[in-house]
Amino acid sequence: MKRYCWLDMNTGKFSDSWSEEDHKKYLSDLDAEVWGKEHPEAKLIEYTCLTDPKFEFIRHMKLR
């Protein structure tokens, strides 16, 4: 199942993940494009975890 989250490139922090259904309901492609232009340090990530379908990024996770 596809999931989505934001990644702040300045801090390495992730947002909480959301589902593909929520993505379609709350965040259109245009909204993501506008948000991305206003926050160039943030990247919208689409992912699927192949080994653990219940895996989610949470806001407490951070890239090192």
PDB file of N, CA and C in Angstrom:
ATOM      1  N   MET A   1       0.831  -1.173   0.000  1.00  0.00           N
ATOM      2  CA  MET A   1       0.000   0.000   0.000  1.00  0.00           C
ATOM      3  C   MET A   1       0.885   1.248   0.000  1.00  0.00           C
ATOM      4  N   LYS A   2       0.588   2.181  -0.881  1.00  0.00           N
ATOM      5  CA  LYS A   2       1.358   3.417  -0.945  1.00  0.00           C
ATOM      6  C   LYS A   2       1.055   4.286   0.262  1.00  0.00           C
ATOM      7  N   ARG A   3       2.114   4.960   0.747  1.00  0.00           N
ATOM      8  CA  ARG A   3       1.989   5.910   1.854  1.00  0.00           C
ATOM      9  C   ARG A   3       2.757   7.170   1.456  1.00  0.00           C
ATOM     10  N   TYR A   4       2.496   8.241   2.164  1.00  0.00           N
ATOM     11  CA  TYR A   4       3.115   9.536   1.876  1.00  0.00           C
ATOM     12  C   TYR A   4       3.587  10.176   3.161  1.00  0.00           C
ATOM     13  N   CYS A   5       4.623  11.004   3.059  1.00  0.00           N
ATOM     14  CA  CYS A   5       5.067  11.815   4.179  1.00  0.00           C
ATOM     15  C   CYS A   5       5.908  12.964   3.614  1.00  0.00           C
ATOM     16  N   TRP A   6       6.102  13.982   4.442  1.00  0.00           N
ATOM     17  CA  TRP A   6       6.997  15.080   4.086  1.00  0.00           C
ATOM     18  C   TRP A   6       8.338  14.822   4.748  1.00  0.00           C
ATOM     19  N   LEU A   7       9.412  15.196   4.074  1.00  0.00           N
ATOM     20  CA  LEU A   7      10.764  15.135   4.628  1.00  0.00           C
ATOM     21  C   LEU A   7      11.353  16.532   4.555  1.00  0.00           C
ATOM     22  N   ASP A   8      11.708  17.088   5.707  1.00  0.00           N
ATOM     23  CA  ASP A   8      12.349  18.402   5.772  1.00  0.00           C
ATOM     24  C   ASP A   8      13.845  18.189   5.544  1.00  0.00           C
ATOM     25  N   MET A   9      14.351  18.655   4.430  1.00  0.00           N
ATOM     26  CA  MET A   9      15.754  18.427   4.062  1.00  0.00           C
ATOM     27  C   MET A   9      16.722  19.186   4.962  1.00  0.00           C
ATOM     28  N   ASN A  10      16.270  20.257   5.602  1.00  0.00           N
ATOM     29  CA  ASN A  10      17.147  21.014   6.503  1.00  0.00           C
ATOM     30  C   ASN A  10      17.378  20.283   7.814  1.00  0.00           C
ATOM     31  N   THR A  11      16.333  19.671   8.343  1.00  0.00           N
ATOM     32  CA  THR A  11      16.433  19.025   9.647  1.00  0.00           C
ATOM     33  C   THR A  11      16.539  17.514   9.569  1.00  0.00           C
ATOM     34  N   GLY A  12      16.150  16.929   8.413  1.00  0.00           N
ATOM     35  CA  GLY A  12      16.137  15.479   8.268  1.00  0.00           C
ATOM     36  C   GLY A  12      14.931  14.831   8.932  1.00  0.00           C
ATOM     37  N   LYS A  13      13.959  15.641   9.372  1.00  0.00           N
ATOM     38  CA  LYS A  13      12.784  15.105  10.063  1.00  0.00           C
ATOM     39  C   LYS A  13      11.669  14.769   9.082  1.00  0.00           C
ATOM     40  N   PHE A  14      10.955  13.705   9.406  1.00  0.00           N
ATOM     41  CA  PHE A  14       9.792  13.272   8.634  1.00  0.00           C
ATOM     42  C   PHE A  14       8.523  13.765   9.304  1.00  0.00           C
ATOM     43  N   SER A  15       7.462  13.916   8.508  1.00  0.00           N
ATOM     44  CA  SER A  15       6.135  14.127   9.071  1.00  0.00           C
ATOM     45  C   SER A  15       5.536  12.767   9.378  1.00  0.00           C
ATOM     46  N   ASP A  16       4.364  12.741   9.987  1.00  0.00           N
ATOM     47  CA  ASP A  16       3.623  11.493  10.098  1.00  0.00           C
ATOM     48  C   ASP A  16       3.192  11.075   8.695  1.00  0.00           C
ATOM     49  N   SER A  17       3.085   9.794   8.468  1.00  0.00           N
ATOM     50  CA  SER A  17       2.660   9.262   7.170  1.00  0.00           C
ATOM     51  C   SER A  17       1.143   9.300   7.049  1.00  0.00           C
ATOM     52  N   TRP A  18       0.682   9.266   5.801  1.00  0.00           N
ATOM     53  CA  TRP A  18      -0.748   9.133   5.553  1.00  0.00           C
ATOM     54  C   TRP A  18      -0.953   8.214   4.368  1.00  0.00           C
ATOM     55  N   SER A  19      -2.171   7.709   4.248  1.00  0.00           N
ATOM     56  CA  SER A  19      -2.483   6.707   3.234  1.00  0.00           C
ATOM     57  C   SER A  19      -2.762   7.336   1.872  1.00  0.00           C
ATOM     58  N   GLU A  20      -2.815   6.484   0.866  1.00  0.00           N
ATOM     59  CA  GLU A  20      -3.123   6.945  -0.488  1.00  0.00           C
ATOM     60  C   GLU A  20      -4.543   7.516  -0.541  1.00  0.00           C
ATOM     61  N   GLU A  21      -5.463   6.902   0.195  1.00  0.00           N
ATOM     62  CA  GLU A  21      -6.841   7.399   0.243  1.00  0.00           C
ATOM     63  C   GLU A  21      -6.876   8.808   0.864  1.00  0.00           C
ATOM     64  N   ASP A  22      -6.146   8.999   1.961  1.00  0.00           N
ATOM     65  CA  ASP A  22      -6.092  10.321   2.586  1.00  0.00           C
ATOM     66  C   ASP A  22      -5.410  11.329   1.671  1.00  0.00           C
ATOM     67  N   HIS A  23      -4.399  10.877   0.928  1.00  0.00           N
ATOM     68  CA  HIS A  23      -3.690  11.761   0.008  1.00  0.00           C
ATOM     69  C   HIS A  23      -4.655  12.313  -1.036  1.00  0.00           C
ATOM     70  N   LYS A  24      -5.462  11.448  -1.600  1.00  0.00           N
ATOM     71  CA  LYS A  24      -6.422  11.881  -2.622  1.00  0.00           C
ATOM     72  C   LYS A  24      -7.477  12.805  -2.026  1.00  0.00           C
ATOM     73  N   LYS A  25      -7.842  12.546  -0.784  1.00  0.00           N
ATOM     74  CA  LYS A  25      -8.891  13.312  -0.139  1.00  0.00           C
ATOM     75  C   LYS A  25      -8.400  14.699   0.302  1.00  0.00           C
ATOM     76  N   TYR A  26      -7.182  14.773   0.837  1.00  0.00           N
ATOM     77  CA  TYR A  26      -6.735  16.004   1.478  1.00  0.00           C
ATOM     78  C   TYR A  26      -5.620  16.759   0.771  1.00  0.00           C
ATOM     79  N   LEU A  27      -4.898  16.099  -0.116  1.00  0.00           N
ATOM     80  CA  LEU A  27      -3.746  16.760  -0.721  1.00  0.00           C
ATOM     81  C   LEU A  27      -3.711  16.447  -2.208  1.00  0.00           C
ATOM     82  N   SER A  28      -4.201  17.364  -3.001  1.00  0.00           N
ATOM     83  CA  SER A  28      -4.153  17.165  -4.444  1.00  0.00           C
ATOM     84  C   SER A  28      -2.734  17.393  -4.937  1.00  0.00           C
ATOM     85  N   ASP A  29      -2.457  16.989  -6.150  1.00  0.00           N
ATOM     86  CA  ASP A  29      -1.130  17.208  -6.727  1.00  0.00           C
ATOM     87  C   ASP A  29      -0.804  18.697  -6.787  1.00  0.00           C
ATOM     88  N   LEU A  30      -1.803  19.525  -7.074  1.00  0.00           N
ATOM     89  CA  LEU A  30      -1.586  20.964  -7.125  1.00  0.00           C
ATOM     90  C   LEU A  30      -1.214  21.506  -5.750  1.00  0.00           C
ATOM     91  N   ASP A  31      -1.909  21.064  -4.703  1.00  0.00           N
ATOM     92  CA  ASP A  31      -1.587  21.494  -3.345  1.00  0.00           C
ATOM     93  C   ASP A  31      -0.147  21.129  -3.001  1.00  0.00           C
ATOM     94  N   ALA A  32       0.265  19.926  -3.370  1.00  0.00           N
ATOM     95  CA  ALA A  32       1.626  19.481  -3.081  1.00  0.00           C
ATOM     96  C   ALA A  32       2.637  20.333  -3.835  1.00  0.00           C
ATOM     97  N   GLU A  33       2.319  20.679  -5.080  1.00  0.00           N
ATOM     98  CA  GLU A  33       3.223  21.510  -5.874  1.00  0.00           C
ATOM     99  C   GLU A  33       3.359  22.896  -5.259  1.00  0.00           C
ATOM    100  N   VAL A  34       2.243  23.502  -4.869  1.00  0.00           N
ATOM    101  CA  VAL A  34       2.268  24.830  -4.255  1.00  0.00           C
ATOM    102  C   VAL A  34       3.009  24.774  -2.930  1.00  0.00           C
ATOM    103  N   TRP A  35       2.689  23.777  -2.092  1.00  0.00           N
ATOM    104  CA  TRP A  35       3.337  23.655  -0.790  1.00  0.00           C
ATOM    105  C   TRP A  35       4.842  23.467  -0.975  1.00  0.00           C
ATOM    106  N   GLY A  36       5.212  22.653  -1.964  1.00  0.00           N
ATOM    107  CA  GLY A  36       6.635  22.415  -2.222  1.00  0.00           C
ATOM    108  C   GLY A  36       7.370  23.671  -2.664  1.00  0.00           C
ATOM    109  N   LYS A  37       6.705  24.533  -3.426  1.00  0.00           N
ATOM    110  CA  LYS A  37       7.341  25.785  -3.854  1.00  0.00           C
ATOM    111  C   LYS A  37       7.493  26.748  -2.685  1.00  0.00           C
ATOM    112  N   GLU A  38       6.526  26.748  -1.779  1.00  0.00           N
ATOM    113  CA  GLU A  38       6.590  27.627  -0.613  1.00  0.00           C
ATOM    114  C   GLU A  38       7.562  27.113   0.444  1.00  0.00           C
ATOM    115  N   HIS A  39       7.832  25.826   0.438  1.00  0.00           N
ATOM    116  CA  HIS A  39       8.737  25.188   1.399  1.00  0.00           C
ATOM    117  C   HIS A  39       9.736  24.324   0.627  1.00  0.00           C
ATOM    118  N   PRO A  40      10.677  24.954  -0.069  1.00  0.00           N
ATOM    119  CA  PRO A  40      11.578  24.165  -0.923  1.00  0.00           C
ATOM    120  C   PRO A  40      12.448  23.179  -0.148  1.00  0.00           C
ATOM    121  N   GLU A  41      12.559  23.359   1.154  1.00  0.00           N
ATOM    122  CA  GLU A  41      13.345  22.430   1.954  1.00  0.00           C
ATOM    123  C   GLU A  41      12.592  21.135   2.241  1.00  0.00           C
ATOM    124  N   ALA A  42      11.285  21.127   1.970  1.00  0.00           N
ATOM    125  CA  ALA A  42      10.465  19.937   2.239  1.00  0.00           C
ATOM    126  C   ALA A  42      10.213  19.170   0.943  1.00  0.00           C
ATOM    127  N   LYS A  43      10.304  17.880   1.030  1.00  0.00           N
ATOM    128  CA  LYS A  43      10.070  17.012  -0.122  1.00  0.00           C
ATOM    129  C   LYS A  43       8.934  16.054   0.210  1.00  0.00           C
ATOM    130  N   LEU A  44       8.007  15.916  -0.730  1.00  0.00           N
ATOM    131  CA  LEU A  44       6.901  14.979  -0.562  1.00  0.00           C
ATOM    132  C   LEU A  44       7.386  13.598  -0.983  1.00  0.00           C
ATOM    133  N   ILE A  45       7.307  12.651  -0.071  1.00  0.00           N
ATOM    134  CA  ILE A  45       7.807  11.300  -0.310  1.00  0.00           C
ATOM    135  C   ILE A  45       6.621  10.353  -0.489  1.00  0.00           C
ATOM    136  N   GLU A  46       6.652   9.556  -1.548  1.00  0.00           N
ATOM    137  CA  GLU A  46       5.694   8.472  -1.753  1.00  0.00           C
ATOM    138  C   GLU A  46       6.480   7.184  -1.569  1.00  0.00           C
ATOM    139  N   TYR A  47       5.982   6.293  -0.717  1.00  0.00           N
ATOM    140  CA  TYR A  47       6.750   5.078  -0.469  1.00  0.00           C
ATOM    141  C   TYR A  47       5.841   3.872  -0.263  1.00  0.00           C
ATOM    142  N   THR A  48       6.444   2.715  -0.434  1.00  0.00           N
ATOM    143  CA  THR A  48       5.853   1.426  -0.118  1.00  0.00           C
ATOM    144  C   THR A  48       6.943   0.614   0.569  1.00  0.00           C
ATOM    145  N   CYS A  49       6.656   0.092   1.728  1.00  0.00           N
ATOM    146  CA  CYS A  49       7.623  -0.764   2.415  1.00  0.00           C
ATOM    147  C   CYS A  49       7.324  -2.210   2.021  1.00  0.00           C
ATOM    148  N   LEU A  50       8.208  -2.804   1.261  1.00  0.00           N
ATOM    149  CA  LEU A  50       7.968  -4.142   0.716  1.00  0.00           C
ATOM    150  C   LEU A  50       8.064  -5.247   1.752  1.00  0.00           C
ATOM    151  N   THR A  51       8.832  -5.029   2.804  1.00  0.00           N
ATOM    152  CA  THR A  51       9.009  -6.088   3.800  1.00  0.00           C
ATOM    153  C   THR A  51       8.101  -5.943   5.013  1.00  0.00           C
ATOM    154  N   ASP A  52       7.440  -4.785   5.163  1.00  0.00           N
ATOM    155  CA  ASP A  52       6.548  -4.568   6.309  1.00  0.00           C
ATOM    156  C   ASP A  52       5.421  -3.630   5.891  1.00  0.00           C
ATOM    157  N   PRO A  53       4.280  -4.174   5.474  1.00  0.00           N
ATOM    158  CA  PRO A  53       3.193  -3.336   4.977  1.00  0.00           C
ATOM    159  C   PRO A  53       2.608  -2.391   6.034  1.00  0.00           C
ATOM    160  N   LYS A  54       2.914  -2.607   7.300  1.00  0.00           N
ATOM    161  CA  LYS A  54       2.406  -1.725   8.357  1.00  0.00           C
ATOM    162  C   LYS A  54       3.384  -0.611   8.721  1.00  0.00           C
ATOM    163  N   PHE A  55       4.551  -0.581   8.074  1.00  0.00           N
ATOM    164  CA  PHE A  55       5.560   0.435   8.396  1.00  0.00           C
ATOM    165  C   PHE A  55       5.057   1.830   8.041  1.00  0.00           C
ATOM    166  N   GLU A  56       5.327   2.791   8.929  1.00  0.00           N
ATOM    167  CA  GLU A  56       5.002   4.189   8.679  1.00  0.00           C
ATOM    168  C   GLU A  56       6.131   5.062   9.195  1.00  0.00           C
ATOM    169  N   PHE A  57       6.408   6.144   8.487  1.00  0.00           N
ATOM    170  CA  PHE A  57       7.275   7.168   9.036  1.00  0.00           C
ATOM    171  C   PHE A  57       6.461   7.952  10.048  1.00  0.00           C
ATOM    172  N   ILE A  58       7.096   8.372  11.126  1.00  0.00           N
ATOM    173  CA  ILE A  58       6.440   9.218  12.109  1.00  0.00           C
ATOM    174  C   ILE A  58       7.297  10.452  12.342  1.00  0.00           C
ATOM    175  N   ARG A  59       6.681  11.481  12.878  1.00  0.00           N
ATOM    176  CA  ARG A  59       7.380  12.766  13.023  1.00  0.00           C
ATOM    177  C   ARG A  59       8.591  12.703  13.960  1.00  0.00           C
ATOM    178  N   HIS A  60       8.707  11.615  14.724  1.00  0.00           N
ATOM    179  CA  HIS A  60       9.841  11.484  15.636  1.00  0.00           C
ATOM    180  C   HIS A  60      11.067  10.890  14.948  1.00  0.00           C
ATOM    181  N   MET A  61      10.903  10.432  13.704  1.00  0.00           N
ATOM    182  CA  MET A  61      12.025   9.855  12.952  1.00  0.00           C
ATOM    183  C   MET A  61      12.838  10.971  12.304  1.00  0.00           C
ATOM    184  N   LYS A  62      14.129  10.705  12.187  1.00  0.00           N
ATOM    185  CA  LYS A  62      15.021  11.719  11.631  1.00  0.00           C
ATOM    186  C   LYS A  62      16.170  11.040  10.891  1.00  0.00           C
ATOM    187  N   LEU A  63      16.539  11.581   9.737  1.00  0.00           N
ATOM    188  CA  LEU A  63      17.733  11.113   9.025  1.00  0.00           C
ATOM    189  C   LEU A  63      18.970  11.617   9.735  1.00  0.00           C
ATOM    190  N   ARG A  64      19.982  10.821   9.771  1.00  0.00           N
ATOM    191  CA  ARG A  64      21.233  11.258  10.408  1.00  0.00           C
ATOM    192  C   ARG A  64      22.258  11.568   9.369  1.00  0.00           C
TER     193      ARG A  64
END
